Amino acid sequence: MTPTAFYSYLTSKGASVLNELRNDAHQNVILAEHPRYGEYGGICIMFPEYEVAFSTDFFDTEDLTARGDYQPLLLDGELKFAYEVN
């Protein structure tokens, strides 16, 4: 599924928002629970301004913060984390 199609899927199914943040690139980021798998699925990361979303292997929002190594970033249409670009 493309990131755009995944975003549409999450929004149409009412994915539960776990946290919202703004990263160093001034992008709004939504951390959401997968509507089908819930707590048994990885955290979904959504970028609402770009209408794209990505599934992750994270099961806890603790590391996914607005600052730090695991800060989610959207670069060239791909999900990256700060440690991958610094």
C-alpha atoms as a PDB file:
ATOM      1  CA  MET A   1       0.000   0.000   0.000  1.00  0.00           C
ATOM      2  CA  THR A   2       1.381   3.430  -0.870  1.00  0.00           C
ATOM      3  CA  PRO A   3       1.898   6.004   1.901  1.00  0.00           C
ATOM      4  CA  THR A   4      -0.966   8.078   0.459  1.00  0.00           C
ATOM      5  CA  ALA A   5      -3.334   5.086   0.328  1.00  0.00           C
ATOM      6  CA  PHE A   6      -2.315   4.098   3.867  1.00  0.00           C
ATOM      7  CA  TYR A   7      -3.071   7.628   5.099  1.00  0.00           C
ATOM      8  CA  SER A   8      -6.523   7.448   3.473  1.00  0.00           C
ATOM      9  CA  TYR A   9      -7.107   4.039   5.055  1.00  0.00           C
ATOM     10  CA  LEU A  10      -6.159   5.273   8.540  1.00  0.00           C
ATOM     11  CA  THR A  11      -8.302   8.391   8.318  1.00  0.00           C
ATOM     12  CA  SER A  12     -11.316   6.557   6.882  1.00  0.00           C
ATOM     13  CA  LYS A  13     -11.171   3.885   9.598  1.00  0.00           C
ATOM     14  CA  GLY A  14     -10.761   6.384  12.424  1.00  0.00           C
ATOM     15  CA  ALA A  15      -7.309   5.422  13.681  1.00  0.00           C
ATOM     16  CA  SER A  16      -6.923   6.306  17.370  1.00  0.00           C
ATOM     17  CA  VAL A  17      -4.510   9.188  17.907  1.00  0.00           C
ATOM     18  CA  LEU A  18      -1.927   8.389  20.572  1.00  0.00           C
ATOM     19  CA  ASN A  19       0.117  11.584  20.370  1.00  0.00           C
ATOM     20  CA  GLU A  20       0.687  14.635  18.189  1.00  0.00           C
ATOM     21  CA  LEU A  21       3.960  16.480  17.821  1.00  0.00           C
ATOM     22  CA  ARG A  22       5.860  18.943  15.653  1.00  0.00           C
ATOM     23  CA  ASN A  23       9.367  17.908  14.587  1.00  0.00           C
ATOM     24  CA  ASP A  24      12.480  20.041  13.935  1.00  0.00           C
ATOM     25  CA  ALA A  25      11.510  20.292  10.239  1.00  0.00           C
ATOM     26  CA  HIS A  26       8.263  21.985  11.389  1.00  0.00           C
ATOM     27  CA  GLN A  27       6.165  19.032  10.205  1.00  0.00           C
ATOM     28  CA  ASN A  28       3.086  18.024  12.160  1.00  0.00           C
ATOM     29  CA  VAL A  29       3.252  14.353  13.080  1.00  0.00           C
ATOM     30  CA  ILE A  30       0.442  12.143  14.370  1.00  0.00           C
ATOM     31  CA  LEU A  31       1.230   8.882  16.139  1.00  0.00           C
ATOM     32  CA  ALA A  32      -1.744   6.569  15.805  1.00  0.00           C
ATOM     33  CA  GLU A  33      -2.831   3.056  16.586  1.00  0.00           C
ATOM     34  CA  HIS A  34      -3.612   0.802  13.644  1.00  0.00           C
ATOM     35  CA  PRO A  35      -7.433   0.591  13.408  1.00  0.00           C
ATOM     36  CA  ARG A  36      -7.416  -3.138  12.731  1.00  0.00           C
ATOM     37  CA  TYR A  37      -4.559  -4.426  14.897  1.00  0.00           C
ATOM     38  CA  GLY A  38      -4.782  -1.931  17.772  1.00  0.00           C
ATOM     39  CA  GLU A  39      -2.192  -2.432  20.479  1.00  0.00           C
ATOM     40  CA  TYR A  40      -0.939  -5.573  18.725  1.00  0.00           C
ATOM     41  CA  GLY A  41       0.209  -3.631  15.663  1.00  0.00           C
ATOM     42  CA  GLY A  42       3.078  -1.197  15.310  1.00  0.00           C
ATOM     43  CA  ILE A  43       2.595   2.540  15.752  1.00  0.00           C
ATOM     44  CA  CYS A  44       1.458   4.328  12.602  1.00  0.00           C
ATOM     45  CA  ILE A  45       3.105   7.655  11.806  1.00  0.00           C
ATOM     46  CA  MET A  46       1.005  10.154   9.867  1.00  0.00           C
ATOM     47  CA  PHE A  47       2.028  13.433   8.247  1.00  0.00           C
ATOM     48  CA  PRO A  48      -1.320  15.214   7.763  1.00  0.00           C
ATOM     49  CA  GLU A  49      -0.035  18.135   5.674  1.00  0.00           C
ATOM     50  CA  TYR A  50       1.311  15.685   3.101  1.00  0.00           C
ATOM     51  CA  GLU A  51      -1.477  13.111   3.538  1.00  0.00           C
ATOM     52  CA  VAL A  52       0.965  10.208   3.896  1.00  0.00           C
ATOM     53  CA  ALA A  53       1.349   7.581   6.614  1.00  0.00           C
ATOM     54  CA  PHE A  54       3.741   4.792   7.472  1.00  0.00           C
ATOM     55  CA  SER A  55       3.586   1.657   9.590  1.00  0.00           C
ATOM     56  CA  THR A  56       6.462   1.092  12.016  1.00  0.00           C
ATOM     57  CA  ASP A  57       7.856  -1.643  14.229  1.00  0.00           C
ATOM     58  CA  PHE A  58       7.482   0.596  17.305  1.00  0.00           C
ATOM     59  CA  PHE A  59       4.938  -0.567  19.873  1.00  0.00           C
ATOM     60  CA  ASP A  60       5.460   2.310  22.291  1.00  0.00           C
ATOM     61  CA  THR A  61       5.358   6.065  21.680  1.00  0.00           C
ATOM     62  CA  GLU A  62       7.981   6.736  24.354  1.00  0.00           C
ATOM     63  CA  ASP A  63      10.935   6.954  21.918  1.00  0.00           C
ATOM     64  CA  LEU A  64       8.997   8.727  19.164  1.00  0.00           C
ATOM     65  CA  THR A  65       9.356  12.303  20.346  1.00  0.00           C
ATOM     66  CA  ALA A  66       9.560  15.761  18.792  1.00  0.00           C
ATOM     67  CA  ARG A  67      13.269  15.858  19.624  1.00  0.00           C
ATOM     68  CA  GLY A  68      15.953  13.206  19.813  1.00  0.00           C
ATOM     69  CA  ASP A  69      17.246  10.293  17.757  1.00  0.00           C
ATOM     70  CA  TYR A  70      13.842   8.787  16.959  1.00  0.00           C
ATOM     71  CA  GLN A  71      12.188  12.022  15.885  1.00  0.00           C
ATOM     72  CA  PRO A  72      10.065  11.095  12.815  1.00  0.00           C
ATOM     73  CA  LEU A  73      10.795  13.115   9.675  1.00  0.00           C
ATOM     74  CA  LEU A  74       9.358  13.054   6.175  1.00  0.00           C
ATOM     75  CA  LEU A  75      12.208  13.454   3.680  1.00  0.00           C
ATOM     76  CA  ASP A  76      11.770  12.982  -0.061  1.00  0.00           C
ATOM     77  CA  GLY A  77       8.500  11.167   0.544  1.00  0.00           C
ATOM     78  CA  GLU A  78      10.049   8.633   2.931  1.00  0.00           C
ATOM     79  CA  LEU A  79       9.867   8.184   6.686  1.00  0.00           C
ATOM     80  CA  LYS A  80      13.230   8.800   8.294  1.00  0.00           C
ATOM     81  CA  PHE A  81      14.340   9.178  11.885  1.00  0.00           C
ATOM     82  CA  ALA A  82      16.729  11.884  13.088  1.00  0.00           C
ATOM     83  CA  TYR A  83      19.567   9.417  13.720  1.00  0.00           C
ATOM     84  CA  GLU A  84      19.437   8.430  10.015  1.00  0.00           C
ATOM     85  CA  VAL A  85      19.990  11.976   8.754  1.00  0.00           C
ATOM     86  CA  ASN A  86      22.316  13.546  11.350  1.00  0.00           C
END
